Amino acid sequence: MNYLKATYYFDYDTEEIQKLIQEFKSNSLTQKEKAKQLYLKIRDNWRYNPYKISLSKQNYKASVIAKKTETHCIDKSILYIAALRGLQIPAKIHLAKVKNHIGIERIVEKFGTDEISPHGMVDVFLDNKWIKASPAFNIELCHKCNVAPLEFDGENDSIFQEFDNFGNEFMEYIEDYGSFNDVPIDFIFNNFKENYPKIMNRSNGLTDIII
């Protein structure tokens, strides 16, 4: 597999992604430093919003996501991967099903479940090993939920905050769908339909659903 390749979704050769990664092209930065700094930029400059779901393939292009201000965890993972590949750092998308334990009232109301699926994260290849990173939750959201922001050191897996600041269970992974070289768009759309029938049944053919 070529985990550096530009694709329809990981379109890092576009103006939007080149502008995003320009500051990290310095030879004074190691690949690990680039990955860590880029992680923080993606994590905090795009607000996480799980209530905006798109059924349009075009909206999963990194160059389109880059123009937004708030995005789904899948979108933020795609953006991070495109940027990493643009810096010649191998990366691929990883999907899973997760369960939230804090601030779930609105999630249950809107989705009909306390499970988020698929949840997007990133596998990054650094120092000859694959490491997981999840840039989904921006720092403002973490403070609002009383949970420490999720850091990424470029050496260890960084996929979720297990507990909040008071020791309450925050998040858990309940199913791992594995990693993919490119965005498995049909799998994602089918997963939405299987896990969120309450939403999909009232979508009326819309390509963008805001709930």
N, C-alpha and C. Protein backbone atom coordinates (compact mmCIF):
# COMPACT_ATOMS: atom_id res chain seq x y z
N MET A 1 0.83 -1.20 0.00
CA MET A 1 0.00 0.00 0.00
C MET A 1 0.87 1.26 0.00
N ASN A 2 0.40 2.28 -0.70
CA ASN A 2 1.10 3.56 -0.72
C ASN A 2 0.39 4.53 0.20
N TYR A 3 0.94 4.73 1.40
CA TYR A 3 0.31 5.59 2.40
C TYR A 3 0.78 7.05 2.31
N LEU A 4 1.43 7.36 1.18
CA LEU A 4 1.84 8.74 0.91
C LEU A 4 1.09 9.33 -0.28
N LYS A 5 0.28 8.51 -0.92
CA LYS A 5 -0.36 8.89 -2.17
C LYS A 5 -1.47 9.92 -1.98
N ALA A 6 -1.55 10.88 -2.90
CA ALA A 6 -2.69 11.79 -2.94
C ALA A 6 -3.85 11.05 -3.60
N THR A 7 -5.05 11.21 -3.04
CA THR A 7 -6.24 10.55 -3.59
C THR A 7 -7.34 11.60 -3.77
N TYR A 8 -8.49 11.15 -4.23
CA TYR A 8 -9.64 12.05 -4.37
C TYR A 8 -9.95 12.73 -3.04
N TYR A 9 -9.85 12.00 -1.94
CA TYR A 9 -10.16 12.53 -0.61
C TYR A 9 -8.94 13.19 0.04
N PHE A 10 -7.79 12.54 -0.04
CA PHE A 10 -6.57 13.08 0.55
C PHE A 10 -5.85 13.92 -0.51
N ASP A 11 -6.47 14.99 -0.93
CA ASP A 11 -5.99 15.78 -2.07
C ASP A 11 -5.01 16.87 -1.62
N TYR A 12 -3.87 16.43 -1.13
CA TYR A 12 -2.92 17.37 -0.55
C TYR A 12 -2.20 18.24 -1.57
N ASP A 13 -2.37 17.96 -2.85
CA ASP A 13 -1.75 18.80 -3.86
C ASP A 13 -2.58 20.05 -4.17
N THR A 14 -3.69 20.24 -3.48
CA THR A 14 -4.55 21.40 -3.69
C THR A 14 -4.02 22.62 -2.94
N GLU A 15 -4.49 23.77 -3.36
CA GLU A 15 -4.05 25.02 -2.73
C GLU A 15 -4.41 25.05 -1.25
N GLU A 16 -5.59 24.55 -0.90
CA GLU A 16 -6.05 24.60 0.49
C GLU A 16 -5.13 23.82 1.42
N ILE A 17 -4.73 22.62 1.01
CA ILE A 17 -3.88 21.79 1.88
C ILE A 17 -2.44 22.28 1.85
N GLN A 18 -1.97 22.74 0.72
CA GLN A 18 -0.61 23.28 0.67
C GLN A 18 -0.48 24.51 1.57
N LYS A 19 -1.52 25.32 1.63
CA LYS A 19 -1.51 26.47 2.52
C LYS A 19 -1.49 26.03 3.98
N LEU A 20 -2.22 24.97 4.27
CA LEU A 20 -2.30 24.44 5.63
C LEU A 20 -0.94 23.93 6.13
N ILE A 21 -0.18 23.29 5.25
CA ILE A 21 1.06 22.65 5.68
C ILE A 21 2.31 23.49 5.43
N GLN A 22 2.15 24.65 4.84
CA GLN A 22 3.31 25.45 4.45
C GLN A 22 4.26 25.72 5.62
N GLU A 23 3.71 26.02 6.79
CA GLU A 23 4.55 26.37 7.94
C GLU A 23 5.35 25.18 8.48
N PHE A 24 4.98 23.97 8.07
CA PHE A 24 5.65 22.78 8.59
C PHE A 24 6.69 22.21 7.62
N LYS A 25 6.96 22.91 6.53
CA LYS A 25 7.87 22.39 5.52
C LYS A 25 9.34 22.69 5.82
N SER A 26 9.61 23.25 6.97
CA SER A 26 10.97 23.59 7.36
C SER A 26 11.82 22.35 7.59
N ASN A 27 13.04 22.37 7.07
CA ASN A 27 13.97 21.26 7.28
C ASN A 27 14.47 21.19 8.73
N SER A 28 14.20 22.23 9.51
CA SER A 28 14.63 22.24 10.91
C SER A 28 13.73 21.39 11.79
N LEU A 29 12.58 20.99 11.25
CA LEU A 29 11.63 20.17 12.01
C LEU A 29 11.78 18.70 11.62
N THR A 30 11.78 17.82 12.60
CA THR A 30 11.78 16.38 12.32
C THR A 30 10.37 15.96 11.91
N GLN A 31 10.25 14.77 11.35
CA GLN A 31 8.93 14.27 10.98
C GLN A 31 8.02 14.16 12.20
N LYS A 32 8.60 13.76 13.33
CA LYS A 32 7.82 13.64 14.56
C LYS A 32 7.31 15.02 15.01
N GLU A 33 8.18 16.00 14.93
CA GLU A 33 7.78 17.36 15.33
C GLU A 33 6.69 17.90 14.42
N LYS A 34 6.81 17.62 13.14
CA LYS A 34 5.78 18.05 12.19
C LYS A 34 4.44 17.41 12.52
N ALA A 35 4.47 16.10 12.78
CA ALA A 35 3.24 15.37 13.09
C ALA A 35 2.58 15.89 14.36
N LYS A 36 3.38 16.20 15.38
CA LYS A 36 2.85 16.68 16.65
C LYS A 36 2.26 18.09 16.52
N GLN A 37 2.96 18.97 15.86
CA GLN A 37 2.49 20.34 15.71
C GLN A 37 1.26 20.41 14.80
N LEU A 38 1.27 19.60 13.76
CA LEU A 38 0.12 19.55 12.86
C LEU A 38 -1.10 18.98 13.58
N TYR A 39 -0.89 18.00 14.43
CA TYR A 39 -1.97 17.42 15.23
C TYR A 39 -2.69 18.51 16.03
N LEU A 40 -1.92 19.35 16.71
CA LEU A 40 -2.52 20.42 17.52
C LEU A 40 -3.28 21.42 16.66
N LYS A 41 -2.74 21.70 15.48
CA LYS A 41 -3.41 22.64 14.59
C LYS A 41 -4.76 22.09 14.13
N ILE A 42 -4.79 20.84 13.75
CA ILE A 42 -6.05 20.22 13.30
C ILE A 42 -7.01 20.09 14.48
N ARG A 43 -6.50 19.68 15.63
CA ARG A 43 -7.35 19.48 16.80
C ARG A 43 -8.08 20.75 17.20
N ASP A 44 -7.36 21.87 17.23
CA ASP A 44 -7.91 23.08 17.84
C ASP A 44 -8.44 24.14 16.88
N ASN A 45 -8.10 24.05 15.61
CA ASN A 45 -8.57 25.07 14.67
C ASN A 45 -9.86 24.70 13.94
N TRP A 46 -10.33 23.48 14.12
CA TRP A 46 -11.62 23.05 13.58
C TRP A 46 -12.44 22.48 14.74
N ARG A 47 -13.55 23.13 15.03
CA ARG A 47 -14.38 22.71 16.16
C ARG A 47 -15.09 21.39 15.85
N TYR A 48 -15.05 20.49 16.81
CA TYR A 48 -15.71 19.20 16.64
C TYR A 48 -17.22 19.35 16.75
N ASN A 49 -17.93 18.83 15.75
CA ASN A 49 -19.38 18.87 15.75
C ASN A 49 -19.91 17.53 15.23
N PRO A 50 -20.37 16.64 16.13
CA PRO A 50 -20.85 15.33 15.69
C PRO A 50 -22.24 15.38 15.06
N TYR A 51 -22.87 16.55 15.09
CA TYR A 51 -24.25 16.66 14.62
C TYR A 51 -24.37 17.08 13.16
N LYS A 52 -23.26 17.20 12.47
CA LYS A 52 -23.28 17.53 11.05
C LYS A 52 -22.77 16.32 10.27
N ILE A 53 -23.67 15.65 9.60
CA ILE A 53 -23.33 14.45 8.85
C ILE A 53 -23.59 14.70 7.36
N SER A 54 -22.62 14.37 6.54
CA SER A 54 -22.78 14.55 5.11
C SER A 54 -22.88 13.21 4.40
N LEU A 55 -23.75 13.15 3.40
CA LEU A 55 -23.87 11.98 2.55
C LEU A 55 -23.42 12.31 1.13
N SER A 56 -22.60 13.34 1.03
CA SER A 56 -22.02 13.75 -0.24
C SER A 56 -20.54 13.41 -0.24
N LYS A 57 -20.10 12.63 -1.21
CA LYS A 57 -18.69 12.23 -1.27
C LYS A 57 -17.77 13.44 -1.36
N GLN A 58 -18.17 14.47 -2.06
CA GLN A 58 -17.34 15.65 -2.25
C GLN A 58 -16.98 16.31 -0.92
N ASN A 59 -17.88 16.24 0.04
CA ASN A 59 -17.64 16.89 1.33
C ASN A 59 -16.61 16.17 2.19
N TYR A 60 -16.12 15.03 1.71
CA TYR A 60 -15.09 14.31 2.44
C TYR A 60 -13.71 14.51 1.82
N LYS A 61 -13.60 15.46 0.89
CA LYS A 61 -12.30 15.84 0.34
C LYS A 61 -11.61 16.77 1.34
N ALA A 62 -10.35 16.53 1.58
CA ALA A 62 -9.61 17.35 2.55
C ALA A 62 -9.66 18.83 2.20
N SER A 63 -9.57 19.15 0.92
CA SER A 63 -9.58 20.55 0.50
C SER A 63 -10.91 21.22 0.80
N VAL A 64 -11.99 20.47 0.79
CA VAL A 64 -13.31 21.01 1.14
C VAL A 64 -13.42 21.17 2.65
N ILE A 65 -12.96 20.18 3.39
CA ILE A 65 -13.00 20.22 4.86
C ILE A 65 -12.18 21.40 5.37
N ALA A 66 -11.06 21.69 4.73
CA ALA A 66 -10.16 22.76 5.17
C ALA A 66 -10.87 24.11 5.21
N LYS A 67 -11.90 24.29 4.41
CA LYS A 67 -12.61 25.57 4.33
C LYS A 67 -13.66 25.73 5.42
N LYS A 68 -13.92 24.66 6.18
CA LYS A 68 -14.95 24.70 7.20
C LYS A 68 -14.37 25.20 8.53
N THR A 69 -15.25 25.49 9.47
CA THR A 69 -14.81 25.90 10.81
C THR A 69 -15.15 24.85 11.85
N GLU A 70 -16.12 23.98 11.56
CA GLU A 70 -16.48 22.90 12.47
C GLU A 70 -16.76 21.65 11.65
N THR A 71 -16.34 20.51 12.19
CA THR A 71 -16.38 19.28 11.41
C THR A 71 -16.58 18.06 12.30
N HIS A 72 -16.92 16.96 11.66
CA HIS A 72 -17.07 15.65 12.29
C HIS A 72 -15.69 15.05 12.52
N CYS A 73 -15.59 14.06 13.40
CA CYS A 73 -14.29 13.43 13.67
C CYS A 73 -13.70 12.77 12.43
N ILE A 74 -14.54 12.24 11.55
CA ILE A 74 -14.04 11.64 10.31
C ILE A 74 -13.39 12.71 9.45
N ASP A 75 -14.05 13.86 9.36
CA ASP A 75 -13.51 14.97 8.56
C ASP A 75 -12.15 15.41 9.07
N LYS A 76 -12.03 15.56 10.39
CA LYS A 76 -10.77 16.02 10.97
C LYS A 76 -9.66 15.00 10.74
N SER A 77 -10.01 13.72 10.76
CA SER A 77 -9.02 12.68 10.48
C SER A 77 -8.56 12.75 9.04
N ILE A 78 -9.49 12.96 8.13
CA ILE A 78 -9.15 13.08 6.70
C ILE A 78 -8.21 14.27 6.49
N LEU A 79 -8.53 15.37 7.12
CA LEU A 79 -7.70 16.57 6.98
C LEU A 79 -6.29 16.33 7.51
N TYR A 80 -6.20 15.67 8.64
CA TYR A 80 -4.88 15.38 9.24
C TYR A 80 -4.07 14.44 8.35
N ILE A 81 -4.73 13.43 7.81
CA ILE A 81 -4.03 12.47 6.94
C ILE A 81 -3.52 13.15 5.68
N ALA A 82 -4.37 13.96 5.04
CA ALA A 82 -3.94 14.65 3.82
C ALA A 82 -2.73 15.55 4.10
N ALA A 83 -2.78 16.25 5.23
CA ALA A 83 -1.68 17.14 5.59
C ALA A 83 -0.40 16.34 5.88
N LEU A 84 -0.54 15.22 6.59
CA LEU A 84 0.62 14.37 6.87
C LEU A 84 1.23 13.84 5.58
N ARG A 85 0.40 13.33 4.69
CA ARG A 85 0.92 12.80 3.43
C ARG A 85 1.58 13.90 2.61
N GLY A 86 1.02 15.10 2.70
CA GLY A 86 1.61 16.24 2.00
C GLY A 86 2.99 16.58 2.51
N LEU A 87 3.27 16.18 3.75
CA LEU A 87 4.59 16.37 4.36
C LEU A 87 5.44 15.11 4.28
N GLN A 88 4.98 14.16 3.48
CA GLN A 88 5.69 12.89 3.27
C GLN A 88 5.78 12.06 4.53
N ILE A 89 4.69 12.09 5.32
CA ILE A 89 4.57 11.24 6.50
C ILE A 89 3.44 10.24 6.23
N PRO A 90 3.73 8.94 6.17
CA PRO A 90 2.68 7.96 5.87
C PRO A 90 1.55 8.01 6.89
N ALA A 91 0.31 7.91 6.41
CA ALA A 91 -0.84 7.95 7.30
C ALA A 91 -2.03 7.29 6.63
N LYS A 92 -2.93 6.75 7.45
CA LYS A 92 -4.14 6.11 6.94
C LYS A 92 -5.27 6.33 7.94
N ILE A 93 -6.51 6.18 7.48
CA ILE A 93 -7.66 6.41 8.35
C ILE A 93 -8.03 5.14 9.09
N HIS A 94 -8.44 5.31 10.34
CA HIS A 94 -8.84 4.19 11.21
C HIS A 94 -10.25 4.50 11.73
N LEU A 95 -11.14 3.53 11.67
CA LEU A 95 -12.52 3.73 12.07
C LEU A 95 -12.91 2.77 13.19
N ALA A 96 -13.81 3.23 14.04
CA ALA A 96 -14.25 2.41 15.17
C ALA A 96 -15.64 2.87 15.61
N LYS A 97 -16.22 2.11 16.53
CA LYS A 97 -17.46 2.51 17.20
C LYS A 97 -17.12 2.83 18.64
N VAL A 98 -17.57 3.99 19.12
CA VAL A 98 -17.26 4.41 20.48
C VAL A 98 -18.53 4.74 21.24
N LYS A 99 -18.41 4.72 22.55
CA LYS A 99 -19.54 5.07 23.42
C LYS A 99 -19.11 6.21 24.33
N ASN A 100 -19.92 7.24 24.39
CA ASN A 100 -19.67 8.37 25.29
C ASN A 100 -20.47 8.19 26.58
N HIS A 101 -19.89 8.66 27.68
CA HIS A 101 -20.56 8.53 28.98
C HIS A 101 -20.85 9.89 29.61
N ILE A 102 -20.37 10.96 29.00
CA ILE A 102 -20.58 12.30 29.55
C ILE A 102 -21.16 13.20 28.46
N GLY A 103 -22.14 14.00 28.84
CA GLY A 103 -22.76 14.92 27.89
C GLY A 103 -23.49 14.19 26.78
N ILE A 104 -24.13 13.08 27.13
CA ILE A 104 -24.74 12.24 26.10
C ILE A 104 -26.22 12.53 25.88
N GLU A 105 -26.81 13.39 26.70
CA GLU A 105 -28.25 13.59 26.60
C GLU A 105 -28.67 14.03 25.20
N ARG A 106 -27.97 15.02 24.65
CA ARG A 106 -28.33 15.51 23.32
C ARG A 106 -27.99 14.48 22.25
N ILE A 107 -26.87 13.76 22.45
CA ILE A 107 -26.50 12.72 21.49
C ILE A 107 -27.59 11.66 21.40
N VAL A 108 -28.06 11.20 22.56
CA VAL A 108 -29.12 10.18 22.58
C VAL A 108 -30.39 10.73 21.96
N GLU A 109 -30.71 11.98 22.28
CA GLU A 109 -31.92 12.60 21.74
C GLU A 109 -31.87 12.68 20.21
N LYS A 110 -30.73 13.08 19.67
CA LYS A 110 -30.62 13.29 18.24
C LYS A 110 -30.38 12.00 17.46
N PHE A 111 -29.47 11.16 17.99
CA PHE A 111 -29.08 9.96 17.26
C PHE A 111 -29.91 8.73 17.62
N GLY A 112 -30.55 8.78 18.78
CA GLY A 112 -31.28 7.60 19.24
C GLY A 112 -30.38 6.57 19.86
N THR A 113 -29.13 6.94 20.17
CA THR A 113 -28.15 6.02 20.74
C THR A 113 -27.03 6.84 21.38
N ASP A 114 -26.31 6.22 22.33
CA ASP A 114 -25.15 6.89 22.93
C ASP A 114 -23.85 6.45 22.26
N GLU A 115 -23.97 5.76 21.14
CA GLU A 115 -22.81 5.28 20.41
C GLU A 115 -22.54 6.16 19.19
N ILE A 116 -21.28 6.48 18.95
CA ILE A 116 -20.86 7.24 17.79
C ILE A 116 -20.18 6.27 16.82
N SER A 117 -20.72 6.18 15.61
CA SER A 117 -20.15 5.22 14.66
C SER A 117 -20.40 5.70 13.22
N PRO A 118 -19.37 5.64 12.38
CA PRO A 118 -17.99 5.35 12.77
C PRO A 118 -17.29 6.59 13.32
N HIS A 119 -16.45 6.36 14.30
CA HIS A 119 -15.57 7.40 14.84
C HIS A 119 -14.27 7.33 14.06
N GLY A 120 -13.80 8.50 13.62
CA GLY A 120 -12.58 8.53 12.82
C GLY A 120 -11.35 8.91 13.63
N MET A 121 -10.26 8.22 13.36
CA MET A 121 -8.96 8.58 13.92
C MET A 121 -7.91 8.31 12.85
N VAL A 122 -6.63 8.44 13.22
CA VAL A 122 -5.56 8.37 12.23
C VAL A 122 -4.46 7.43 12.70
N ASP A 123 -3.94 6.64 11.78
CA ASP A 123 -2.74 5.85 12.01
C ASP A 123 -1.59 6.58 11.32
N VAL A 124 -0.57 6.94 12.10
CA VAL A 124 0.59 7.68 11.59
C VAL A 124 1.83 6.80 11.70
N PHE A 125 2.66 6.80 10.67
CA PHE A 125 3.87 5.98 10.67
C PHE A 125 5.07 6.85 11.02
N LEU A 126 5.59 6.66 12.23
CA LEU A 126 6.74 7.42 12.71
C LEU A 126 7.74 6.48 13.37
N ASP A 127 9.01 6.69 13.10
CA ASP A 127 10.07 5.87 13.70
C ASP A 127 9.81 4.38 13.50
N ASN A 128 9.40 4.04 12.29
CA ASN A 128 9.22 2.64 11.87
C ASN A 128 8.11 1.90 12.61
N LYS A 129 7.10 2.65 13.09
CA LYS A 129 5.95 1.99 13.69
C LYS A 129 4.69 2.83 13.48
N TRP A 130 3.54 2.15 13.48
CA TRP A 130 2.26 2.82 13.34
C TRP A 130 1.76 3.25 14.72
N ILE A 131 1.32 4.51 14.80
CA ILE A 131 0.81 5.08 16.05
C ILE A 131 -0.55 5.69 15.78
N LYS A 132 -1.48 5.50 16.71
CA LYS A 132 -2.83 6.04 16.56
C LYS A 132 -2.93 7.44 17.15
N ALA A 133 -3.66 8.31 16.44
CA ALA A 133 -3.88 9.68 16.92
C ALA A 133 -5.31 10.09 16.59
N SER A 134 -5.95 10.78 17.53
CA SER A 134 -7.33 11.23 17.32
C SER A 134 -7.43 12.73 17.59
N PRO A 135 -7.43 13.55 16.52
CA PRO A 135 -7.47 15.00 16.70
C PRO A 135 -8.89 15.56 16.77
N ALA A 136 -9.86 14.75 17.15
CA ALA A 136 -11.27 15.14 17.05
C ALA A 136 -11.67 16.27 17.99
N PHE A 137 -11.33 16.14 19.28
CA PHE A 137 -11.92 17.04 20.29
C PHE A 137 -11.06 18.27 20.53
N ASN A 138 -11.53 19.41 20.07
CA ASN A 138 -10.80 20.67 20.25
C ASN A 138 -10.72 21.04 21.72
N ILE A 139 -9.75 21.87 22.06
CA ILE A 139 -9.45 22.16 23.45
C ILE A 139 -10.61 22.84 24.17
N GLU A 140 -11.35 23.71 23.47
CA GLU A 140 -12.50 24.38 24.10
C GLU A 140 -13.57 23.38 24.50
N LEU A 141 -13.82 22.41 23.65
CA LEU A 141 -14.82 21.39 23.96
C LEU A 141 -14.38 20.56 25.16
N CYS A 142 -13.09 20.22 25.21
CA CYS A 142 -12.58 19.43 26.33
C CYS A 142 -12.76 20.18 27.65
N HIS A 143 -12.46 21.47 27.66
CA HIS A 143 -12.64 22.26 28.88
C HIS A 143 -14.11 22.31 29.27
N LYS A 144 -14.99 22.42 28.29
CA LYS A 144 -16.42 22.46 28.56
C LYS A 144 -16.91 21.15 29.18
N CYS A 145 -16.31 20.04 28.76
CA CYS A 145 -16.70 18.72 29.27
C CYS A 145 -15.88 18.30 30.49
N ASN A 146 -15.03 19.19 30.98
CA ASN A 146 -14.19 18.89 32.14
C ASN A 146 -13.32 17.65 31.91
N VAL A 147 -12.69 17.63 30.75
CA VAL A 147 -11.79 16.53 30.43
C VAL A 147 -10.50 17.12 29.87
N ALA A 148 -9.38 16.50 30.18
CA ALA A 148 -8.09 17.00 29.69
C ALA A 148 -8.01 16.86 28.17
N PRO A 149 -7.49 17.86 27.47
CA PRO A 149 -7.32 17.74 26.01
C PRO A 149 -6.44 16.54 25.68
N LEU A 150 -6.75 15.86 24.60
CA LEU A 150 -6.00 14.67 24.20
C LEU A 150 -4.72 15.10 23.49
N GLU A 151 -3.58 14.73 24.06
CA GLU A 151 -2.28 15.10 23.50
C GLU A 151 -1.74 13.97 22.63
N PHE A 152 -0.78 14.31 21.78
CA PHE A 152 -0.13 13.32 20.91
C PHE A 152 1.37 13.59 20.94
N ASP A 153 2.14 12.61 21.43
CA ASP A 153 3.58 12.81 21.58
C ASP A 153 4.40 12.23 20.43
N GLY A 154 3.72 11.64 19.44
CA GLY A 154 4.43 11.07 18.30
C GLY A 154 5.12 9.76 18.59
N GLU A 155 4.88 9.21 19.79
CA GLU A 155 5.52 7.95 20.17
C GLU A 155 4.52 6.90 20.66
N ASN A 156 3.41 7.36 21.26
CA ASN A 156 2.43 6.44 21.83
C ASN A 156 1.03 6.69 21.25
N ASP A 157 0.21 5.65 21.27
CA ASP A 157 -1.17 5.78 20.81
C ASP A 157 -1.90 6.84 21.63
N SER A 158 -2.68 7.66 20.96
CA SER A 158 -3.46 8.71 21.61
C SER A 158 -4.85 8.69 20.99
N ILE A 159 -5.77 7.92 21.61
CA ILE A 159 -7.04 7.68 20.94
C ILE A 159 -8.28 8.14 21.71
N PHE A 160 -8.18 8.34 23.02
CA PHE A 160 -9.36 8.78 23.76
C PHE A 160 -9.00 9.15 25.18
N GLN A 161 -9.89 9.94 25.80
CA GLN A 161 -9.77 10.23 27.22
C GLN A 161 -10.70 9.26 27.96
N GLU A 162 -10.11 8.35 28.71
CA GLU A 162 -10.90 7.32 29.37
C GLU A 162 -11.75 7.90 30.50
N PHE A 163 -11.21 8.92 31.19
CA PHE A 163 -11.92 9.52 32.32
C PHE A 163 -11.90 11.04 32.22
N ASP A 164 -12.87 11.69 32.85
CA ASP A 164 -12.84 13.14 32.92
C ASP A 164 -11.99 13.59 34.10
N ASN A 165 -11.98 14.89 34.38
CA ASN A 165 -11.13 15.41 35.45
C ASN A 165 -11.56 14.98 36.84
N PHE A 166 -12.76 14.42 36.96
CA PHE A 166 -13.28 14.00 38.26
C PHE A 166 -13.26 12.48 38.43
N GLY A 167 -12.68 11.78 37.45
CA GLY A 167 -12.57 10.34 37.55
C GLY A 167 -13.75 9.58 36.99
N ASN A 168 -14.70 10.28 36.37
CA ASN A 168 -15.85 9.63 35.76
C ASN A 168 -15.47 9.08 34.39
N GLU A 169 -16.03 7.93 34.03
CA GLU A 169 -15.73 7.34 32.73
C GLU A 169 -16.23 8.28 31.63
N PHE A 170 -15.37 8.56 30.66
CA PHE A 170 -15.70 9.53 29.62
C PHE A 170 -16.03 8.86 28.29
N MET A 171 -15.18 7.95 27.85
CA MET A 171 -15.33 7.39 26.51
C MET A 171 -14.71 6.00 26.46
N GLU A 172 -15.29 5.13 25.65
CA GLU A 172 -14.71 3.80 25.46
C GLU A 172 -14.92 3.33 24.03
N TYR A 173 -13.99 2.53 23.55
CA TYR A 173 -14.10 1.92 22.22
C TYR A 173 -14.81 0.58 22.38
N ILE A 174 -15.83 0.35 21.57
CA ILE A 174 -16.58 -0.90 21.69
C ILE A 174 -16.48 -1.78 20.44
N GLU A 175 -15.99 -1.22 19.34
CA GLU A 175 -15.78 -2.03 18.14
C GLU A 175 -14.73 -1.35 17.26
N ASP A 176 -13.80 -2.14 16.75
CA ASP A 176 -12.73 -1.62 15.89
C ASP A 176 -12.98 -2.09 14.46
N TYR A 177 -13.15 -1.14 13.54
CA TYR A 177 -13.39 -1.49 12.15
C TYR A 177 -12.10 -1.60 11.35
N GLY A 178 -10.98 -1.22 11.96
CA GLY A 178 -9.70 -1.34 11.28
C GLY A 178 -9.31 -0.08 10.51
N SER A 179 -8.19 -0.17 9.78
CA SER A 179 -7.66 0.98 9.06
C SER A 179 -7.81 0.78 7.55
N PHE A 180 -7.76 1.90 6.84
CA PHE A 180 -8.00 1.89 5.40
C PHE A 180 -7.01 2.85 4.72
N ASN A 181 -6.50 2.43 3.57
CA ASN A 181 -5.56 3.25 2.82
C ASN A 181 -6.21 4.53 2.30
N ASP A 182 -7.48 4.43 1.91
CA ASP A 182 -8.23 5.59 1.44
C ASP A 182 -9.55 5.64 2.20
N VAL A 183 -10.30 6.69 2.03
CA VAL A 183 -11.57 6.85 2.76
C VAL A 183 -12.58 5.83 2.23
N PRO A 184 -13.05 4.90 3.08
CA PRO A 184 -14.02 3.88 2.64
C PRO A 184 -15.43 4.47 2.67
N ILE A 185 -15.73 5.31 1.70
CA ILE A 185 -16.93 6.12 1.76
C ILE A 185 -18.21 5.30 1.80
N ASP A 186 -18.28 4.22 1.04
CA ASP A 186 -19.49 3.38 1.05
C ASP A 186 -19.69 2.73 2.41
N PHE A 187 -18.59 2.27 3.02
CA PHE A 187 -18.66 1.69 4.35
C PHE A 187 -19.18 2.72 5.35
N ILE A 188 -18.68 3.95 5.26
CA ILE A 188 -19.09 5.01 6.18
C ILE A 188 -20.58 5.31 6.02
N PHE A 189 -21.03 5.46 4.79
CA PHE A 189 -22.44 5.79 4.57
C PHE A 189 -23.35 4.64 5.04
N ASN A 190 -22.96 3.40 4.76
CA ASN A 190 -23.75 2.25 5.21
C ASN A 190 -23.76 2.16 6.73
N ASN A 191 -22.63 2.51 7.34
CA ASN A 191 -22.53 2.50 8.80
C ASN A 191 -23.46 3.53 9.41
N PHE A 192 -23.52 4.73 8.81
CA PHE A 192 -24.46 5.75 9.26
C PHE A 192 -25.89 5.20 9.24
N LYS A 193 -26.24 4.56 8.12
CA LYS A 193 -27.61 4.07 7.94
C LYS A 193 -27.94 2.97 8.94
N GLU A 194 -26.97 2.11 9.25
CA GLU A 194 -27.19 1.02 10.19
C GLU A 194 -27.30 1.52 11.63
N ASN A 195 -26.49 2.50 11.98
CA ASN A 195 -26.42 2.95 13.37
C ASN A 195 -27.35 4.10 13.70
N TYR A 196 -27.75 4.86 12.67
CA TYR A 196 -28.60 6.03 12.90
C TYR A 196 -29.87 5.98 12.06
N PRO A 197 -30.65 4.92 12.15
CA PRO A 197 -31.88 4.84 11.34
C PRO A 197 -32.85 5.97 11.64
N LYS A 198 -32.84 6.46 12.89
CA LYS A 198 -33.73 7.55 13.28
C LYS A 198 -33.46 8.79 12.43
N ILE A 199 -32.19 9.05 12.17
CA ILE A 199 -31.81 10.22 11.37
C ILE A 199 -32.00 9.96 9.89
N MET A 200 -31.51 8.82 9.44
CA MET A 200 -31.52 8.53 8.01
C MET A 200 -32.93 8.37 7.45
N ASN A 201 -33.84 7.90 8.28
CA ASN A 201 -35.21 7.73 7.81
C ASN A 201 -35.92 9.05 7.54
N ARG A 202 -35.39 10.13 8.12
CA ARG A 202 -36.01 11.42 7.89
C ARG A 202 -35.13 12.36 7.05
N SER A 203 -34.07 11.81 6.46
CA SER A 203 -33.16 12.64 5.69
C SER A 203 -33.76 13.11 4.37
N ASN A 204 -34.73 12.35 3.85
CA ASN A 204 -35.44 12.74 2.62
C ASN A 204 -34.49 13.01 1.45
N GLY A 205 -33.43 12.22 1.38
CA GLY A 205 -32.51 12.33 0.25
C GLY A 205 -31.53 13.47 0.36
N LEU A 206 -31.51 14.17 1.48
CA LEU A 206 -30.57 15.28 1.65
C LEU A 206 -29.15 14.75 1.72
N THR A 207 -28.21 15.49 1.17
CA THR A 207 -26.82 15.06 1.23
C THR A 207 -26.12 15.59 2.48
N ASP A 208 -26.67 16.61 3.11
CA ASP A 208 -26.11 17.13 4.35
C ASP A 208 -27.21 17.20 5.40
N ILE A 209 -26.94 16.56 6.52
CA ILE A 209 -27.93 16.47 7.59
C ILE A 209 -27.39 17.18 8.82
N ILE A 210 -28.08 18.20 9.28
CA ILE A 210 -27.71 18.89 10.50
C ILE A 210 -28.79 18.60 11.53
N ILE A 211 -28.42 17.99 12.64
CA ILE A 211 -29.42 17.55 13.60
C ILE A 211 -29.26 18.26 14.94
